[in-house]
C-alpha atoms as a PDB file:
ATOM      1  CA  MET A   1      43.738  -4.819  -5.867  1.00  0.00           C
ATOM      2  CA  GLN A   2      42.082  -4.390  -2.477  1.00  0.00           C
ATOM      3  CA  PRO A   3      41.258  -7.502  -0.406  1.00  0.00           C
ATOM      4  CA  ASP A   4      37.496  -6.841  -0.623  1.00  0.00           C
ATOM      5  CA  ASP A   5      37.432  -6.243  -4.404  1.00  0.00           C
ATOM      6  CA  GLU A   6      36.452  -9.831  -5.215  1.00  0.00           C
ATOM      7  CA  MET A   7      33.117 -10.976  -3.854  1.00  0.00           C
ATOM      8  CA  THR A   8      33.099 -14.217  -1.892  1.00  0.00           C
ATOM      9  CA  ASP A   9      30.430 -15.955   0.165  1.00  0.00           C
ATOM     10  CA  ALA A  10      32.351 -15.044   3.342  1.00  0.00           C
ATOM     11  CA  LEU A  11      32.463 -11.364   2.365  1.00  0.00           C
ATOM     12  CA  ALA A  12      28.741 -11.330   1.484  1.00  0.00           C
ATOM     13  CA  GLU A  13      27.951 -12.930   4.859  1.00  0.00           C
ATOM     14  CA  LYS A  14      30.106 -10.325   6.591  1.00  0.00           C
ATOM     15  CA  ILE A  15      28.316  -7.464   4.779  1.00  0.00           C
ATOM     16  CA  PHE A  16      24.847  -8.650   5.812  1.00  0.00           C
ATOM     17  CA  SER A  17      25.816  -9.651   9.363  1.00  0.00           C
ATOM     18  CA  GLY A  18      25.834  -6.036  10.551  1.00  0.00           C
ATOM     19  CA  THR A  19      29.536  -6.059  11.478  1.00  0.00           C
ATOM     20  CA  VAL A  20      30.857  -3.735   8.755  1.00  0.00           C
ATOM     21  CA  GLY A  21      28.904  -0.612   9.699  1.00  0.00           C
ATOM     22  CA  GLY A  22      26.827  -0.202   6.546  1.00  0.00           C
ATOM     23  CA  VAL A  23      25.218   3.245   6.498  1.00  0.00           C
ATOM     24  CA  LEU A  24      23.103   5.066   3.914  1.00  0.00           C
ATOM     25  CA  ASN A  25      24.101   8.665   4.532  1.00  0.00           C
ATOM     26  CA  THR A  26      23.350  10.496   1.300  1.00  0.00           C
ATOM     27  CA  PRO A  27      20.174  11.069  -0.689  1.00  0.00           C
ATOM     28  CA  LEU A  28      19.574   8.987  -3.777  1.00  0.00           C
ATOM     29  CA  ALA A  29      20.699  10.711  -6.987  1.00  0.00           C
ATOM     30  CA  TRP A  30      18.162  10.130  -9.786  1.00  0.00           C
ATOM     31  CA  LYS A  31      18.882   9.775 -13.498  1.00  0.00           C
ATOM     32  CA  GLN A  32      17.075   8.582 -16.604  1.00  0.00           C
ATOM     33  CA  LYS A  33      18.000   5.239 -18.168  1.00  0.00           C
ATOM     34  CA  ASN A  34      17.145   4.774 -21.823  1.00  0.00           C
ATOM     35  CA  ALA A  35      16.364   1.991 -24.206  1.00  0.00           C
ATOM     36  CA  PRO A  36      19.356   0.978 -26.335  1.00  0.00           C
ATOM     37  CA  ARG A  37      19.765   3.263 -29.338  1.00  0.00           C
ATOM     38  CA  SER A  38      16.676   5.281 -28.370  1.00  0.00           C
ATOM     39  CA  ALA A  39      17.758   8.257 -26.277  1.00  0.00           C
ATOM     40  CA  HIS A  40      14.289   9.816 -26.559  1.00  0.00           C
ATOM     41  CA  LYS A  41      12.419   6.766 -25.158  1.00  0.00           C
ATOM     42  CA  PRO A  42      13.052   6.388 -21.410  1.00  0.00           C
ATOM     43  CA  VAL A  43      12.567   2.909 -20.002  1.00  0.00           C
ATOM     44  CA  HIS A  44      13.106   3.599 -16.310  1.00  0.00           C
ATOM     45  CA  ILE A  45      14.576   6.014 -13.845  1.00  0.00           C
ATOM     46  CA  GLU A  46      17.346   4.923 -11.547  1.00  0.00           C
ATOM     47  CA  ALA A  47      18.917   6.312  -8.409  1.00  0.00           C
ATOM     48  CA  TRP A  48      22.042   5.374  -6.536  1.00  0.00           C
ATOM     49  CA  ALA A  49      23.805   6.249  -3.310  1.00  0.00           C
ATOM     50  CA  PRO A  50      27.000   4.920  -1.725  1.00  0.00           C
ATOM     51  CA  LEU A  51      26.769   2.720   1.350  1.00  0.00           C
ATOM     52  CA  LYS A  52      29.497   3.612   3.849  1.00  0.00           C
ATOM     53  CA  THR A  53      31.152   0.564   5.412  1.00  0.00           C
ATOM     54  CA  ASP A  54      34.386  -0.413   7.162  1.00  0.00           C
ATOM     55  CA  LEU A  55      35.401  -2.454   4.112  1.00  0.00           C
ATOM     56  CA  SER A  56      38.017  -1.447   1.555  1.00  0.00           C
ATOM     57  CA  CYS A  57      35.506  -1.962  -1.278  1.00  0.00           C
ATOM     58  CA  ARG A  58      32.613   0.250  -2.292  1.00  0.00           C
ATOM     59  CA  LEU A  59      29.000  -0.787  -1.934  1.00  0.00           C
ATOM     60  CA  GLU A  60      26.074   0.991  -3.559  1.00  0.00           C
ATOM     61  CA  LEU A  61      22.324   1.115  -3.111  1.00  0.00           C
ATOM     62  CA  ARG A  62      20.406   1.402  -6.377  1.00  0.00           C
ATOM     63  CA  MET A  63      16.707   1.851  -6.985  1.00  0.00           C
ATOM     64  CA  ARG A  64      14.978   1.322 -10.333  1.00  0.00           C
ATOM     65  CA  ILE A  65      11.445   2.401 -11.192  1.00  0.00           C
ATOM     66  CA  GLY A  66       9.860   1.523 -14.530  1.00  0.00           C
ATOM     67  CA  LEU A  67       8.097   4.489 -16.057  1.00  0.00           C
ATOM     68  CA  ASP A  68       5.374   2.274 -17.495  1.00  0.00           C
ATOM     69  CA  VAL A  69       4.503   0.562 -14.165  1.00  0.00           C
ATOM     70  CA  LEU A  70       5.372   2.893 -11.274  1.00  0.00           C
ATOM     71  CA  TRP A  71       4.277   0.424  -8.576  1.00  0.00           C
ATOM     72  CA  GLU A  72       6.757  -2.239  -9.733  1.00  0.00           C
ATOM     73  CA  TYR A  73      10.325  -1.344  -8.713  1.00  0.00           C
ATOM     74  CA  SER A  74      13.580  -2.798  -7.426  1.00  0.00           C
ATOM     75  CA  LEU A  75      16.227  -2.002  -4.825  1.00  0.00           C
ATOM     76  CA  LEU A  76      19.719  -3.500  -5.058  1.00  0.00           C
ATOM     77  CA  VAL A  77      22.856  -3.653  -2.947  1.00  0.00           C
ATOM     78  CA  LEU A  78      25.744  -3.746  -5.416  1.00  0.00           C
ATOM     79  CA  HIS A  79      29.434  -4.528  -5.119  1.00  0.00           C
ATOM     80  CA  PRO A  80      30.639  -2.451  -8.090  1.00  0.00           C
ATOM     81  CA  ALA A  81      34.232  -3.763  -8.120  1.00  0.00           C
ATOM     82  CA  ASP A  82      33.135  -7.071  -9.651  1.00  0.00           C
ATOM     83  CA  LYS A  83      29.599  -6.016 -10.641  1.00  0.00           C
ATOM     84  CA  THR A  84      27.862  -8.332  -8.177  1.00  0.00           C
ATOM     85  CA  CYS A  85      24.270  -7.722  -7.104  1.00  0.00           C
ATOM     86  CA  LEU A  86      24.413  -9.030  -3.524  1.00  0.00           C
ATOM     87  CA  LYS A  87      20.767  -8.577  -2.642  1.00  0.00           C
ATOM     88  CA  ARG A  88      17.778  -7.424  -4.656  1.00  0.00           C
ATOM     89  CA  LEU A  89      14.234  -6.609  -3.618  1.00  0.00           C
ATOM     90  CA  ASP A  90      11.637  -6.708  -6.389  1.00  0.00           C
ATOM     91  CA  VAL A  91       8.478  -4.969  -5.205  1.00  0.00           C
ATOM     92  CA  ARG A  92       5.487  -6.485  -7.002  1.00  0.00           C
ATOM     93  CA  GLY A  93       7.972  -7.926  -9.497  1.00  0.00           C
ATOM     94  CA  THR A  94       7.140 -10.239 -12.358  1.00  0.00           C
ATOM     95  CA  HIS A  95       9.454 -12.911 -13.739  1.00  0.00           C
ATOM     96  CA  LEU A  96       9.995 -16.649 -13.956  1.00  0.00           C
ATOM     97  CA  ASP A  97      12.321 -18.333 -11.437  1.00  0.00           C
ATOM     98  CA  ARG A  98      14.431 -20.427 -13.798  1.00  0.00           C
ATOM     99  CA  SER A  99      15.608 -22.742 -11.007  1.00  0.00           C
ATOM    100  CA  THR A 100      12.186 -23.767  -9.726  1.00  0.00           C
ATOM    101  CA  GLY A 101       9.938 -22.848 -12.648  1.00  0.00           C
ATOM    102  CA  GLU A 102       7.862 -20.762 -10.236  1.00  0.00           C
ATOM    103  CA  ASP A 103       6.184 -17.743 -11.767  1.00  0.00           C
ATOM    104  CA  TYR A 104       6.406 -14.486  -9.812  1.00  0.00           C
ATOM    105  CA  LEU A 105       3.497 -12.422 -11.066  1.00  0.00           C
ATOM    106  CA  ASN A 106       3.275  -9.053  -9.303  1.00  0.00           C
ATOM    107  CA  ARG A 107       4.775 -10.628  -6.173  1.00  0.00           C
ATOM    108  CA  THR A 108       7.249  -8.970  -3.847  1.00  0.00           C
ATOM    109  CA  HIS A 109      10.332 -11.126  -3.457  1.00  0.00           C
ATOM    110  CA  LYS A 110      14.054 -10.938  -2.688  1.00  0.00           C
ATOM    111  CA  HIS A 111      17.113 -12.397  -4.359  1.00  0.00           C
ATOM    112  CA  LYS A 112      20.181 -13.267  -2.282  1.00  0.00           C
ATOM    113  CA  TRP A 113      23.595 -13.802  -3.909  1.00  0.00           C
ATOM    114  CA  SER A 114      25.982 -16.706  -3.398  1.00  0.00           C
ATOM    115  CA  ARG A 115      29.066 -17.733  -5.396  1.00  0.00           C
ATOM    116  CA  ALA A 116      27.521 -21.089  -6.370  1.00  0.00           C
ATOM    117  CA  ARG A 117      24.008 -19.907  -7.247  1.00  0.00           C
ATOM    118  CA  GLY A 118      24.364 -16.237  -8.174  1.00  0.00           C
ATOM    119  CA  ASN A 119      21.008 -14.521  -7.555  1.00  0.00           C
ATOM    120  CA  ARG A 120      18.885 -17.652  -7.950  1.00  0.00           C
ATOM    121  CA  ASP A 121      17.932 -17.922  -4.272  1.00  0.00           C
ATOM    122  CA  VAL A 122      14.528 -16.234  -4.164  1.00  0.00           C
ATOM    123  CA  TYR A 123      12.321 -15.825  -1.119  1.00  0.00           C
ATOM    124  CA  ALA A 124       9.239 -13.856  -0.076  1.00  0.00           C
ATOM    125  CA  PRO A 125       9.992 -11.168   2.523  1.00  0.00           C
ATOM    126  CA  ASP A 126       7.835 -10.357   5.526  1.00  0.00           C
ATOM    127  CA  ASP A 127       9.732  -7.219   6.552  1.00  0.00           C
ATOM    128  CA  ILE A 128       8.774  -4.766   3.780  1.00  0.00           C
ATOM    129  CA  ARG A 129       5.892  -2.420   4.602  1.00  0.00           C
ATOM    130  CA  HIS A 130       3.921  -1.979   1.388  1.00  0.00           C
ATOM    131  CA  THR A 131       0.612  -2.910  -0.187  1.00  0.00           C
ATOM    132  CA  PRO A 132       1.251  -6.271  -1.871  1.00  0.00           C
ATOM    133  CA  GLU A 133      -1.307  -5.795  -4.677  1.00  0.00           C
ATOM    134  CA  PRO A 134      -0.682  -3.685  -7.794  1.00  0.00           C
ATOM    135  CA  ILE A 135      -1.654  -0.036  -7.431  1.00  0.00           C
ATOM    136  CA  PHE A 136      -3.426   0.872 -10.638  1.00  0.00           C
ATOM    137  CA  GLY A 137      -3.348   4.549 -11.524  1.00  0.00           C
ATOM    138  CA  ALA A 138      -0.192   5.085  -9.428  1.00  0.00           C
ATOM    139  CA  THR A 139       1.817   8.249  -9.936  1.00  0.00           C
ATOM    140  CA  LEU A 140       5.283   9.095  -8.684  1.00  0.00           C
ATOM    141  CA  GLU A 141       3.634  11.468  -6.203  1.00  0.00           C
ATOM    142  CA  SER A 142       1.185   8.877  -4.879  1.00  0.00           C
ATOM    143  CA  MET A 143       3.997   6.290  -4.510  1.00  0.00           C
ATOM    144  CA  ASP A 144       6.453   8.681  -2.851  1.00  0.00           C
ATOM    145  CA  GLU A 145       5.772   7.706   0.776  1.00  0.00           C
ATOM    146  CA  GLU A 146       5.968   3.992  -0.035  1.00  0.00           C
ATOM    147  CA  TYR A 147       9.235   4.399  -1.970  1.00  0.00           C
ATOM    148  CA  ASP A 148      10.902   6.089   1.025  1.00  0.00           C
ATOM    149  CA  ARG A 149       9.524   3.575   3.529  1.00  0.00           C
ATOM    150  CA  VAL A 150      10.639   0.587   1.412  1.00  0.00           C
ATOM    151  CA  VAL A 151      14.161   2.035   1.034  1.00  0.00           C
ATOM    152  CA  ARG A 152      14.393   2.304   4.819  1.00  0.00           C
ATOM    153  CA  ASP A 153      12.964  -1.213   5.354  1.00  0.00           C
ATOM    154  CA  PHE A 154      15.373  -2.701   2.803  1.00  0.00           C
ATOM    155  CA  ILE A 155      18.402  -1.031   4.405  1.00  0.00           C
ATOM    156  CA  THR A 156      17.281  -2.283   7.828  1.00  0.00           C
ATOM    157  CA  GLU A 157      16.774  -5.825   6.493  1.00  0.00           C
ATOM    158  CA  CYS A 158      20.344  -5.708   5.131  1.00  0.00           C
ATOM    159  CA  LYS A 159      21.467  -5.012   8.743  1.00  0.00           C
ATOM    160  CA  MET A 160      22.571  -1.516   7.790  1.00  0.00           C
ATOM    161  CA  THR A 161      21.349   1.826   9.055  1.00  0.00           C
ATOM    162  CA  VAL A 162      19.916   5.012   7.620  1.00  0.00           C
ATOM    163  CA  GLY A 163      22.161   7.867   8.748  1.00  0.00           C
ATOM    164  CA  GLY A 164      21.187  11.365   9.788  1.00  0.00           C
ATOM    165  CA  SER A 165      22.377  12.902   6.516  1.00  0.00           C
ATOM    166  CA  TYR A 166      20.019  10.787   4.436  1.00  0.00           C
ATOM    167  CA  ALA A 167      16.915  12.521   3.104  1.00  0.00           C
ATOM    168  CA  TRP A 168      14.440  11.093   0.640  1.00  0.00           C
ATOM    169  CA  VAL A 169      14.578  12.805  -2.751  1.00  0.00           C
ATOM    170  CA  PRO A 170      11.420  12.079  -4.756  1.00  0.00           C
ATOM    171  CA  PRO A 171      11.977  10.814  -8.287  1.00  0.00           C
ATOM    172  CA  THR A 172      10.789  12.900 -11.183  1.00  0.00           C
ATOM    173  CA  ILE A 173       9.887  11.864 -14.694  1.00  0.00           C
ATOM    174  CA  PRO A 174      12.623  13.117 -16.965  1.00  0.00           C
ATOM    175  CA  VAL A 175      11.840  15.737 -19.563  1.00  0.00           C
ATOM    176  CA  THR A 176      12.400  14.233 -22.978  1.00  0.00           C
ATOM    177  CA  GLN A 177      14.427  16.336 -25.353  1.00  0.00           C
ATOM    178  CA  PRO A 178      13.294  16.669 -28.951  1.00  0.00           C
ATOM    179  CA  THR A 179      15.421  14.672 -31.366  1.00  0.00           C
ATOM    180  CA  PHE A 180      16.167  15.368 -34.973  1.00  0.00           C
ATOM    181  CA  ASP A 181      16.641  11.859 -36.332  1.00  0.00           C
ATOM    182  CA  GLY A 182      18.817  11.862 -39.427  1.00  0.00           C
ATOM    183  CA  LEU A 183      20.045  15.445 -39.006  1.00  0.00           C
ATOM    184  CA  GLU A 184      22.978  14.532 -36.747  1.00  0.00           C
ATOM    185  CA  ASP A 185      25.164  13.775 -39.791  1.00  0.00           C
ATOM    186  CA  TYR A 186      24.933  17.292 -41.196  1.00  0.00           C
ATOM    187  CA  PRO A 187      27.310  20.073 -40.054  1.00  0.00           C
END
């Protein structure tokens, strides 16, 4: 086991202090994520890219876009060794804050991890360049510039940098494959 494989408050502070050289150097790799037991019904598309640091552990950047509401999406910095989401940005996200009872309805907000509270520390950012209101009629193409800009803003806010090898790769809606329900059992 590597020394950085278990997430601690001190390690999280070190990651977001800018002292470990976090760099996003590769384009995001997109894939379809499906509903459980429904391979033909996509729920969202997701992309990931490694974040290069001086640590012995891996860190990843992930982005999730719901196919039903393209203007509501999330970016996450993950520590995959112990499956910890260290920081999450929900752009125009909707959910209830269970700690405070506050309702986040189409509001951009961030979650910051700590050992004691998990991801319950929620705050409104002022460093993400986007239109705060929902964008009705949004398409992946019309959101493309904002997606790229928000990725860059999020990486900067995490005190990491976007490297020269990074290039934005626009997401695409996956092509659904026809299914033959019930015929899988026959030879």
